[in-house]
Amino acid sequence: MNSQNRDDDVRRAIRAWQVRPLPNSTFRPEVWQRIQQGSDAGWTSYLKRHAASVSLAAILTLVLSGWLGKTASRVALEHQRETMIVSYLVDLDPRVEAMMRNRTQ
């Protein structure tokens, strides 16, 4: 048998092939039942199913917030300290203020 005959046989078989699924009378009711069950699930069931990832996200958020707060307060404290030092030095000796003006110009 040559390849031309085999190709023709395959083409005929493909053209004749049809999918005929078995009828299932409970398909639609089962689908709607699953949809209803999914919509009944609220936040509590979601949190129960994803407890590990939600806990990890909450912990990371708290740690990051604490670190950012600490960094921001350190920067603000350093700025306030510098301002107080300059103010003190200017109060002691007005020439310090003149020197600072010359440095910034």
PDB file of N, CA and C in Angstrom:
ATOM      1  N   MET A   1       0.852  -1.166   0.000  1.00  0.00           N
ATOM      2  CA  MET A   1       0.000   0.000   0.000  1.00  0.00           C
ATOM      3  C   MET A   1       0.899   1.229   0.000  1.00  0.00           C
ATOM      4  N   ASN A   2       0.655   2.126  -0.921  1.00  0.00           N
ATOM      5  CA  ASN A   2       1.510   3.318  -0.980  1.00  0.00           C
ATOM      6  C   ASN A   2       0.999   4.383  -0.015  1.00  0.00           C
ATOM      7  N   SER A   3       1.799   5.431   0.146  1.00  0.00           N
ATOM      8  CA  SER A   3       1.456   6.462   1.121  1.00  0.00           C
ATOM      9  C   SER A   3       0.242   7.274   0.681  1.00  0.00           C
ATOM     10  N   GLN A   4      -0.010   7.364  -0.621  1.00  0.00           N
ATOM     11  CA  GLN A   4      -1.175   8.108  -1.111  1.00  0.00           C
ATOM     12  C   GLN A   4      -2.472   7.436  -0.645  1.00  0.00           C
ATOM     13  N   ASN A   5      -2.537   6.118  -0.712  1.00  0.00           N
ATOM     14  CA  ASN A   5      -3.728   5.387  -0.265  1.00  0.00           C
ATOM     15  C   ASN A   5      -3.909   5.513   1.250  1.00  0.00           C
ATOM     16  N   ARG A   6      -2.799   5.441   1.980  1.00  0.00           N
ATOM     17  CA  ARG A   6      -2.896   5.572   3.431  1.00  0.00           C
ATOM     18  C   ARG A   6      -3.383   6.962   3.820  1.00  0.00           C
ATOM     19  N   ASP A   7      -2.875   8.006   3.121  1.00  0.00           N
ATOM     20  CA  ASP A   7      -3.324   9.369   3.403  1.00  0.00           C
ATOM     21  C   ASP A   7      -4.808   9.523   3.112  1.00  0.00           C
ATOM     22  N   ASP A   8      -5.262   8.917   2.026  1.00  0.00           N
ATOM     23  CA  ASP A   8      -6.689   8.993   1.690  1.00  0.00           C
ATOM     24  C   ASP A   8      -7.538   8.284   2.744  1.00  0.00           C
ATOM     25  N   ASP A   9      -7.055   7.135   3.212  1.00  0.00           N
ATOM     26  CA  ASP A   9      -7.792   6.413   4.246  1.00  0.00           C
ATOM     27  C   ASP A   9      -7.882   7.229   5.532  1.00  0.00           C
ATOM     28  N   VAL A  10      -6.777   7.879   5.880  1.00  0.00           N
ATOM     29  CA  VAL A  10      -6.767   8.688   7.094  1.00  0.00           C
ATOM     30  C   VAL A  10      -7.719   9.864   6.936  1.00  0.00           C
ATOM     31  N   ARG A  11      -7.690  10.522   5.775  1.00  0.00           N
ATOM     32  CA  ARG A  11      -8.585  11.661   5.547  1.00  0.00           C
ATOM     33  C   ARG A  11     -10.052  11.236   5.618  1.00  0.00           C
ATOM     34  N   ARG A  12     -10.378  10.106   5.041  1.00  0.00           N
ATOM     35  CA  ARG A  12     -11.764   9.620   5.096  1.00  0.00           C
ATOM     36  C   ARG A  12     -12.174   9.310   6.533  1.00  0.00           C
ATOM     37  N   ALA A  13     -11.264   8.718   7.278  1.00  0.00           N
ATOM     38  CA  ALA A  13     -11.568   8.389   8.675  1.00  0.00           C
ATOM     39  C   ALA A  13     -11.771   9.655   9.500  1.00  0.00           C
ATOM     40  N   ILE A  14     -10.939  10.667   9.246  1.00  0.00           N
ATOM     41  CA  ILE A  14     -11.086  11.919   9.994  1.00  0.00           C
ATOM     42  C   ILE A  14     -12.398  12.602   9.638  1.00  0.00           C
ATOM     43  N   ARG A  15     -12.773  12.619   8.331  1.00  0.00           N
ATOM     44  CA  ARG A  15     -14.034  13.244   7.938  1.00  0.00           C
ATOM     45  C   ARG A  15     -15.239  12.513   8.520  1.00  0.00           C
ATOM     46  N   ALA A  16     -15.127  11.204   8.637  1.00  0.00           N
ATOM     47  CA  ALA A  16     -16.253  10.424   9.147  1.00  0.00           C
ATOM     48  C   ALA A  16     -16.344  10.454  10.673  1.00  0.00           C
ATOM     49  N   TRP A  17     -15.285  10.836  11.325  1.00  0.00           N
ATOM     50  CA  TRP A  17     -15.241  10.793  12.778  1.00  0.00           C
ATOM     51  C   TRP A  17     -16.087  11.912  13.363  1.00  0.00           C
ATOM     52  N   GLN A  18     -16.909  11.566  14.318  1.00  0.00           N
ATOM     53  CA  GLN A  18     -17.757  12.538  15.004  1.00  0.00           C
ATOM     54  C   GLN A  18     -17.801  12.177  16.485  1.00  0.00           C
ATOM     55  N   VAL A  19     -17.864  13.220  17.296  1.00  0.00           N
ATOM     56  CA  VAL A  19     -17.959  13.012  18.733  1.00  0.00           C
ATOM     57  C   VAL A  19     -19.431  12.976  19.091  1.00  0.00           C
ATOM     58  N   ARG A  20     -19.823  11.927  19.739  1.00  0.00           N
ATOM     59  CA  ARG A  20     -21.215  11.797  20.181  1.00  0.00           C
ATOM     60  C   ARG A  20     -21.194  11.513  21.684  1.00  0.00           C
ATOM     61  N   PRO A  21     -21.200  12.571  22.483  1.00  0.00           N
ATOM     62  CA  PRO A  21     -21.158  12.342  23.930  1.00  0.00           C
ATOM     63  C   PRO A  21     -22.456  11.717  24.413  1.00  0.00           C
ATOM     64  N   LEU A  22     -22.325  10.973  25.484  1.00  0.00           N
ATOM     65  CA  LEU A  22     -23.505  10.352  26.072  1.00  0.00           C
ATOM     66  C   LEU A  22     -24.341  11.430  26.758  1.00  0.00           C
ATOM     67  N   PRO A  23     -25.628  11.414  26.574  1.00  0.00           N
ATOM     68  CA  PRO A  23     -26.464  12.428  27.224  1.00  0.00           C
ATOM     69  C   PRO A  23     -26.460  12.227  28.745  1.00  0.00           C
ATOM     70  N   ASN A  24     -26.362  13.348  29.439  1.00  0.00           N
ATOM     71  CA  ASN A  24     -26.343  13.307  30.896  1.00  0.00           C
ATOM     72  C   ASN A  24     -27.413  14.295  31.369  1.00  0.00           C
ATOM     73  N   SER A  25     -28.485  13.762  31.883  1.00  0.00           N
ATOM     74  CA  SER A  25     -29.600  14.619  32.281  1.00  0.00           C
ATOM     75  C   SER A  25     -29.309  15.417  33.556  1.00  0.00           C
ATOM     76  N   THR A  26     -28.317  15.034  34.315  1.00  0.00           N
ATOM     77  CA  THR A  26     -28.019  15.736  35.569  1.00  0.00           C
ATOM     78  C   THR A  26     -26.891  16.758  35.413  1.00  0.00           C
ATOM     79  N   PHE A  27     -26.404  16.943  34.197  1.00  0.00           N
ATOM     80  CA  PHE A  27     -25.260  17.830  33.998  1.00  0.00           C
ATOM     81  C   PHE A  27     -25.566  19.263  34.433  1.00  0.00           C
ATOM     82  N   ARG A  28     -26.613  19.860  33.889  1.00  0.00           N
ATOM     83  CA  ARG A  28     -26.938  21.253  34.237  1.00  0.00           C
ATOM     84  C   ARG A  28     -27.250  21.438  35.721  1.00  0.00           C
ATOM     85  N   PRO A  29     -28.102  20.602  36.294  1.00  0.00           N
ATOM     86  CA  PRO A  29     -28.360  20.783  37.736  1.00  0.00           C
ATOM     87  C   PRO A  29     -27.092  20.672  38.584  1.00  0.00           C
ATOM     88  N   GLU A  30     -26.191  19.764  38.202  1.00  0.00           N
ATOM     89  CA  GLU A  30     -24.944  19.623  38.959  1.00  0.00           C
ATOM     90  C   GLU A  30     -24.063  20.870  38.817  1.00  0.00           C
ATOM     91  N   VAL A  31     -24.015  21.430  37.613  1.00  0.00           N
ATOM     92  CA  VAL A  31     -23.227  22.641  37.398  1.00  0.00           C
ATOM     93  C   VAL A  31     -23.785  23.782  38.241  1.00  0.00           C
ATOM     94  N   TRP A  32     -25.102  23.972  38.213  1.00  0.00           N
ATOM     95  CA  TRP A  32     -25.709  25.055  38.990  1.00  0.00           C
ATOM     96  C   TRP A  32     -25.546  24.830  40.486  1.00  0.00           C
ATOM     97  N   GLN A  33     -25.563  23.582  40.898  1.00  0.00           N
ATOM     98  CA  GLN A  33     -25.349  23.282  42.307  1.00  0.00           C
ATOM     99  C   GLN A  33     -23.922  23.653  42.729  1.00  0.00           C
ATOM    100  N   ARG A  34     -22.923  23.348  41.890  1.00  0.00           N
ATOM    101  CA  ARG A  34     -21.545  23.712  42.197  1.00  0.00           C
ATOM    102  C   ARG A  34     -21.358  25.228  42.203  1.00  0.00           C
ATOM    103  N   ILE A  35     -22.022  25.916  41.281  1.00  0.00           N
ATOM    104  CA  ILE A  35     -21.951  27.375  41.255  1.00  0.00           C
ATOM    105  C   ILE A  35     -22.544  27.945  42.541  1.00  0.00           C
ATOM    106  N   GLN A  36     -23.668  27.415  42.972  1.00  0.00           N
ATOM    107  CA  GLN A  36     -24.317  27.882  44.199  1.00  0.00           C
ATOM    108  C   GLN A  36     -23.440  27.623  45.415  1.00  0.00           C
ATOM    109  N   GLN A  37     -22.811  26.469  45.464  1.00  0.00           N
ATOM    110  CA  GLN A  37     -21.924  26.158  46.582  1.00  0.00           C
ATOM    111  C   GLN A  37     -20.735  27.106  46.613  1.00  0.00           C
ATOM    112  N   GLY A  38     -20.220  27.460  45.450  1.00  0.00           N
ATOM    113  CA  GLY A  38     -19.097  28.392  45.379  1.00  0.00           C
ATOM    114  C   GLY A  38     -19.490  29.787  45.809  1.00  0.00           C
ATOM    115  N   SER A  39     -20.721  30.208  45.489  1.00  0.00           N
ATOM    116  CA  SER A  39     -21.135  31.560  45.867  1.00  0.00           C
ATOM    117  C   SER A  39     -21.495  31.645  47.346  1.00  0.00           C
ATOM    118  N   ASP A  40     -21.811  30.531  47.985  1.00  0.00           N
ATOM    119  CA  ASP A  40     -22.108  30.528  49.416  1.00  0.00           C
ATOM    120  C   ASP A  40     -20.852  30.711  50.258  1.00  0.00           C
ATOM    121  N   ALA A  41     -19.720  30.397  49.673  1.00  0.00           N
ATOM    122  CA  ALA A  41     -18.469  30.498  50.411  1.00  0.00           C
ATOM    123  C   ALA A  41     -18.121  31.964  50.604  1.00  0.00           C
ATOM    124  N   GLY A  42     -17.916  32.371  51.846  1.00  0.00           N
ATOM    125  CA  GLY A  42     -17.584  33.756  52.161  1.00  0.00           C
ATOM    126  C   GLY A  42     -16.121  33.919  52.480  1.00  0.00           C
ATOM    127  N   TRP A  43     -15.814  35.051  53.121  1.00  0.00           N
ATOM    128  CA  TRP A  43     -14.437  35.347  53.464  1.00  0.00           C
ATOM    129  C   TRP A  43     -13.870  34.358  54.470  1.00  0.00           C
ATOM    130  N   THR A  44     -14.701  33.893  55.365  1.00  0.00           N
ATOM    131  CA  THR A  44     -14.176  32.981  56.393  1.00  0.00           C
ATOM    132  C   THR A  44     -13.682  31.677  55.778  1.00  0.00           C
ATOM    133  N   SER A  45     -14.439  31.152  54.835  1.00  0.00           N
ATOM    134  CA  SER A  45     -13.978  29.898  54.207  1.00  0.00           C
ATOM    135  C   SER A  45     -12.743  30.148  53.352  1.00  0.00           C
ATOM    136  N   TYR A  46     -12.670  31.315  52.709  1.00  0.00           N
ATOM    137  CA  TYR A  46     -11.478  31.654  51.928  1.00  0.00           C
ATOM    138  C   TYR A  46     -10.260  31.740  52.844  1.00  0.00           C
ATOM    139  N   LEU A  47     -10.426  32.412  53.986  1.00  0.00           N
ATOM    140  CA  LEU A  47      -9.314  32.541  54.920  1.00  0.00           C
ATOM    141  C   LEU A  47      -8.894  31.196  55.496  1.00  0.00           C
ATOM    142  N   LYS A  48      -9.855  30.327  55.740  1.00  0.00           N
ATOM    143  CA  LYS A  48      -9.514  28.994  56.259  1.00  0.00           C
ATOM    144  C   LYS A  48      -8.707  28.207  55.231  1.00  0.00           C
ATOM    145  N   ARG A  49      -9.105  28.308  53.959  1.00  0.00           N
ATOM    146  CA  ARG A  49      -8.394  27.561  52.910  1.00  0.00           C
ATOM    147  C   ARG A  49      -7.004  28.136  52.646  1.00  0.00           C
ATOM    148  N   HIS A  50      -6.838  29.434  52.853  1.00  0.00           N
ATOM    149  CA  HIS A  50      -5.565  30.091  52.550  1.00  0.00           C
ATOM    150  C   HIS A  50      -4.920  30.664  53.813  1.00  0.00           C
ATOM    151  N   ALA A  51      -5.061  29.987  54.913  1.00  0.00           N
ATOM    152  CA  ALA A  51      -4.580  30.497  56.206  1.00  0.00           C
ATOM    153  C   ALA A  51      -3.075  30.747  56.199  1.00  0.00           C
ATOM    154  N   ALA A  52      -2.316  29.863  55.625  1.00  0.00           N
ATOM    155  CA  ALA A  52      -0.857  30.012  55.647  1.00  0.00           C
ATOM    156  C   ALA A  52      -0.425  31.242  54.862  1.00  0.00           C
ATOM    157  N   SER A  53      -0.949  31.408  53.667  1.00  0.00           N
ATOM    158  CA  SER A  53      -0.522  32.551  52.849  1.00  0.00           C
ATOM    159  C   SER A  53      -1.036  33.873  53.413  1.00  0.00           C
ATOM    160  N   VAL A  54      -2.233  33.883  53.980  1.00  0.00           N
ATOM    161  CA  VAL A  54      -2.765  35.101  54.588  1.00  0.00           C
ATOM    162  C   VAL A  54      -1.943  35.464  55.826  1.00  0.00           C
ATOM    163  N   SER A  55      -1.580  34.482  56.624  1.00  0.00           N
ATOM    164  CA  SER A  55      -0.753  34.736  57.809  1.00  0.00           C
ATOM    165  C   SER A  55       0.620  35.259  57.420  1.00  0.00           C
ATOM    166  N   LEU A  56       1.208  34.667  56.406  1.00  0.00           N
ATOM    167  CA  LEU A  56       2.516  35.112  55.941  1.00  0.00           C
ATOM    168  C   LEU A  56       2.444  36.548  55.434  1.00  0.00           C
ATOM    169  N   ALA A  57       1.406  36.874  54.670  1.00  0.00           N
ATOM    170  CA  ALA A  57       1.247  38.239  54.160  1.00  0.00           C
ATOM    171  C   ALA A  57       1.067  39.227  55.309  1.00  0.00           C
ATOM    172  N   ALA A  58       0.302  38.856  56.315  1.00  0.00           N
ATOM    173  CA  ALA A  58       0.087  39.746  57.461  1.00  0.00           C
ATOM    174  C   ALA A  58       1.388  39.960  58.234  1.00  0.00           C
ATOM    175  N   ILE A  59       2.153  38.911  58.451  1.00  0.00           N
ATOM    176  CA  ILE A  59       3.418  39.023  59.170  1.00  0.00           C
ATOM    177  C   ILE A  59       4.406  39.886  58.393  1.00  0.00           C
ATOM    178  N   LEU A  60       4.515  39.658  57.094  1.00  0.00           N
ATOM    179  CA  LEU A  60       5.419  40.463  56.269  1.00  0.00           C
ATOM    180  C   LEU A  60       5.007  41.928  56.269  1.00  0.00           C
ATOM    181  N   THR A  61       3.704  42.192  56.234  1.00  0.00           N
ATOM    182  CA  THR A  61       3.219  43.566  56.266  1.00  0.00           C
ATOM    183  C   THR A  61       3.590  44.237  57.583  1.00  0.00           C
ATOM    184  N   LEU A  62       3.405  43.528  58.690  1.00  0.00           N
ATOM    185  CA  LEU A  62       3.761  44.092  59.999  1.00  0.00           C
ATOM    186  C   LEU A  62       5.255  44.351  60.125  1.00  0.00           C
ATOM    187  N   VAL A  63       6.068  43.408  59.670  1.00  0.00           N
ATOM    188  CA  VAL A  63       7.516  43.570  59.759  1.00  0.00           C
ATOM    189  C   VAL A  63       7.973  44.738  58.885  1.00  0.00           C
ATOM    190  N   LEU A  64       7.476  44.811  57.678  1.00  0.00           N
ATOM    191  CA  LEU A  64       7.852  45.897  56.772  1.00  0.00           C
ATOM    192  C   LEU A  64       7.397  47.249  57.313  1.00  0.00           C
ATOM    193  N   SER A  65       6.189  47.294  57.854  1.00  0.00           N
ATOM    194  CA  SER A  65       5.693  48.546  58.436  1.00  0.00           C
ATOM    195  C   SER A  65       6.554  48.988  59.618  1.00  0.00           C
ATOM    196  N   GLY A  66       6.921  48.062  60.467  1.00  0.00           N
ATOM    197  CA  GLY A  66       7.783  48.379  61.603  1.00  0.00           C
ATOM    198  C   GLY A  66       9.143  48.889  61.159  1.00  0.00           C
ATOM    199  N   TRP A  67       9.730  48.224  60.165  1.00  0.00           N
ATOM    200  CA  TRP A  67      11.039  48.640  59.683  1.00  0.00           C
ATOM    201  C   TRP A  67      10.967  50.027  59.042  1.00  0.00           C
ATOM    202  N   LEU A  68       9.944  50.271  58.226  1.00  0.00           N
ATOM    203  CA  LEU A  68       9.790  51.587  57.600  1.00  0.00           C
ATOM    204  C   LEU A  68       9.543  52.676  58.641  1.00  0.00           C
ATOM    205  N   GLY A  69       8.744  52.388  59.649  1.00  0.00           N
ATOM    206  CA  GLY A  69       8.495  53.354  60.714  1.00  0.00           C
ATOM    207  C   GLY A  69       9.763  53.681  61.487  1.00  0.00           C
ATOM    208  N   LYS A  70      10.543  52.657  61.772  1.00  0.00           N
ATOM    209  CA  LYS A  70      11.805  52.867  62.493  1.00  0.00           C
ATOM    210  C   LYS A  70      12.766  53.713  61.667  1.00  0.00           C
ATOM    211  N   THR A  71      12.861  53.427  60.387  1.00  0.00           N
ATOM    212  CA  THR A  71      13.742  54.186  59.501  1.00  0.00           C
ATOM    213  C   THR A  71      13.287  55.635  59.376  1.00  0.00           C
ATOM    214  N   ALA A  72      11.990  55.840  59.207  1.00  0.00           N
ATOM    215  CA  ALA A  72      11.462  57.200  59.082  1.00  0.00           C
ATOM    216  C   ALA A  72      11.687  57.992  60.367  1.00  0.00           C
ATOM    217  N   SER A  73      11.491  57.357  61.510  1.00  0.00           N
ATOM    218  CA  SER A  73      11.702  58.076  62.777  1.00  0.00           C
ATOM    219  C   SER A  73      13.174  58.391  62.988  1.00  0.00           C
ATOM    220  N   ARG A  74      14.052  57.501  62.562  1.00  0.00           N
ATOM    221  CA  ARG A  74      15.490  57.751  62.686  1.00  0.00           C
ATOM    222  C   ARG A  74      15.900  58.946  61.827  1.00  0.00           C
ATOM    223  N   VAL A  75      15.380  59.028  60.612  1.00  0.00           N
ATOM    224  CA  VAL A  75      15.690  60.156  59.720  1.00  0.00           C
ATOM    225  C   VAL A  75      15.147  61.449  60.312  1.00  0.00           C
ATOM    226  N   ALA A  76      13.915  61.419  60.793  1.00  0.00           N
ATOM    227  CA  ALA A  76      13.314  62.622  61.388  1.00  0.00           C
ATOM    228  C   ALA A  76      14.080  63.055  62.632  1.00  0.00           C
ATOM    229  N   LEU A  77      14.494  62.107  63.451  1.00  0.00           N
ATOM    230  CA  LEU A  77      15.253  62.423  64.657  1.00  0.00           C
ATOM    231  C   LEU A  77      16.605  63.038  64.312  1.00  0.00           C
ATOM    232  N   GLU A  78      17.254  62.501  63.310  1.00  0.00           N
ATOM    233  CA  GLU A  78      18.554  63.040  62.893  1.00  0.00           C
ATOM    234  C   GLU A  78      18.402  64.472  62.372  1.00  0.00           C
ATOM    235  N   HIS A  79      17.361  64.717  61.600  1.00  0.00           N
ATOM    236  CA  HIS A  79      17.108  66.059  61.081  1.00  0.00           C
ATOM    237  C   HIS A  79      16.817  67.031  62.239  1.00  0.00           C
ATOM    238  N   GLN A  80      16.016  66.598  63.178  1.00  0.00           N
ATOM    239  CA  GLN A  80      15.681  67.435  64.333  1.00  0.00           C
ATOM    240  C   GLN A  80      16.942  67.723  65.166  1.00  0.00           C
ATOM    241  N   ARG A  81      17.795  66.733  65.310  1.00  0.00           N
ATOM    242  CA  ARG A  81      19.039  66.898  66.068  1.00  0.00           C
ATOM    243  C   ARG A  81      19.933  67.932  65.397  1.00  0.00           C
ATOM    244  N   GLU A  82      20.075  67.828  64.076  1.00  0.00           N
ATOM    245  CA  GLU A  82      20.899  68.792  63.348  1.00  0.00           C
ATOM    246  C   GLU A  82      20.344  70.213  63.487  1.00  0.00           C
ATOM    247  N   THR A  83      19.024  70.337  63.407  1.00  0.00           N
ATOM    248  CA  THR A  83      18.386  71.647  63.549  1.00  0.00           C
ATOM    249  C   THR A  83      18.637  72.231  64.936  1.00  0.00           C
ATOM    250  N   MET A  84      18.541  71.400  65.958  1.00  0.00           N
ATOM    251  CA  MET A  84      18.787  71.869  67.324  1.00  0.00           C
ATOM    252  C   MET A  84      20.239  72.291  67.513  1.00  0.00           C
ATOM    253  N   ILE A  85      21.181  71.562  66.956  1.00  0.00           N
ATOM    254  CA  ILE A  85      22.599  71.893  67.086  1.00  0.00           C
ATOM    255  C   ILE A  85      22.887  73.242  66.427  1.00  0.00           C
ATOM    256  N   VAL A  86      22.372  73.417  65.215  1.00  0.00           N
ATOM    257  CA  VAL A  86      22.600  74.684  64.516  1.00  0.00           C
ATOM    258  C   VAL A  86      21.964  75.826  65.289  1.00  0.00           C
ATOM    259  N   SER A  87      20.752  75.632  65.766  1.00  0.00           N
ATOM    260  CA  SER A  87      20.077  76.680  66.529  1.00  0.00           C
ATOM    261  C   SER A  87      20.864  77.032  67.792  1.00  0.00           C
ATOM    262  N   TYR A  88      21.386  76.041  68.463  1.00  0.00           N
ATOM    263  CA  TYR A  88      22.177  76.265  69.675  1.00  0.00           C
ATOM    264  C   TYR A  88      23.450  77.034  69.355  1.00  0.00           C
ATOM    265  N   LEU A  89      24.134  76.618  68.295  1.00  0.00           N
ATOM    266  CA  LEU A  89      25.378  77.279  67.926  1.00  0.00           C
ATOM    267  C   LEU A  89      25.142  78.723  67.486  1.00  0.00           C
ATOM    268  N   VAL A  90      24.044  78.979  66.783  1.00  0.00           N
ATOM    269  CA  VAL A  90      23.721  80.346  66.360  1.00  0.00           C
ATOM    270  C   VAL A  90      23.409  81.207  67.573  1.00  0.00           C
ATOM    271  N   ASP A  91      22.720  80.639  68.548  1.00  0.00           N
ATOM    272  CA  ASP A  91      22.425  81.385  69.770  1.00  0.00           C
ATOM    273  C   ASP A  91      23.703  81.732  70.537  1.00  0.00           C
ATOM    274  N   LEU A  92      24.686  80.819  70.524  1.00  0.00           N
ATOM    275  CA  LEU A  92      25.944  81.072  71.227  1.00  0.00           C
ATOM    276  C   LEU A  92      26.809  82.106  70.498  1.00  0.00           C
ATOM    277  N   ASP A  93      26.892  81.945  69.199  1.00  0.00           N
ATOM    278  CA  ASP A  93      27.807  82.808  68.434  1.00  0.00           C
ATOM    279  C   ASP A  93      27.167  83.143  67.087  1.00  0.00           C
ATOM    280  N   PRO A  94      26.751  84.378  66.856  1.00  0.00           N
ATOM    281  CA  PRO A  94      26.122  84.764  65.598  1.00  0.00           C
ATOM    282  C   PRO A  94      27.038  84.585  64.384  1.00  0.00           C
ATOM    283  N   ARG A  95      28.345  84.514  64.622  1.00  0.00           N
ATOM    284  CA  ARG A  95      29.261  84.305  63.495  1.00  0.00           C
ATOM    285  C   ARG A  95      29.050  82.934  62.853  1.00  0.00           C
ATOM    286  N   VAL A  96      28.537  81.963  63.604  1.00  0.00           N
ATOM    287  CA  VAL A  96      28.244  80.630  63.053  1.00  0.00           C
ATOM    288  C   VAL A  96      27.187  80.741  61.961  1.00  0.00           C
ATOM    289  N   GLU A  97      26.186  81.572  62.197  1.00  0.00           N
ATOM    290  CA  GLU A  97      25.138  81.767  61.198  1.00  0.00           C
ATOM    291  C   GLU A  97      25.735  82.361  59.924  1.00  0.00           C
ATOM    292  N   ALA A  98      26.641  83.326  60.068  1.00  0.00           N
ATOM    293  CA  ALA A  98      27.286  83.928  58.900  1.00  0.00           C
ATOM    294  C   ALA A  98      28.123  82.895  58.157  1.00  0.00           C
ATOM    295  N   MET A  99      28.832  82.062  58.900  1.00  0.00           N
ATOM    296  CA  MET A  99      29.637  81.007  58.264  1.00  0.00           C
ATOM    297  C   MET A  99      28.749  80.022  57.510  1.00  0.00           C
ATOM    298  N   MET A 100      27.593  79.696  58.071  1.00  0.00           N
ATOM    299  CA  MET A 100      26.682  78.749  57.411  1.00  0.00           C
ATOM    300  C   MET A 100      26.092  79.368  56.149  1.00  0.00           C
ATOM    301  N   ARG A 101      25.787  80.641  56.183  1.00  0.00           N
ATOM    302  CA  ARG A 101      25.268  81.318  54.983  1.00  0.00           C
ATOM    303  C   ARG A 101      26.303  81.289  53.879  1.00  0.00           C
ATOM    304  N   ASN A 102      27.564  81.534  54.212  1.00  0.00           N
ATOM    305  CA  ASN A 102      28.630  81.524  53.218  1.00  0.00           C
ATOM    306  C   ASN A 102      28.837  80.134  52.637  1.00  0.00           C
ATOM    307  N   ARG A 103      28.639  79.110  53.460  1.00  0.00           N
ATOM    308  CA  ARG A 103      28.834  77.732  53.000  1.00  0.00           C
ATOM    309  C   ARG A 103      27.736  77.306  52.040  1.00  0.00           C
ATOM    310  N   THR A 104      26.501  77.765  52.261  1.00  0.00           N
ATOM    311  CA  THR A 104      25.389  77.357  51.402  1.00  0.00           C
ATOM    312  C   THR A 104      25.329  78.144  50.100  1.00  0.00           C
ATOM    313  N   GLN A 105      26.049  79.274  50.034  1.00  0.00           N
ATOM    314  CA  GLN A 105      26.004  80.090  48.800  1.00  0.00           C
ATOM    315  C   GLN A 105      27.002  79.660  47.797  1.00  0.00           C
TER     316      GLN A 105
END
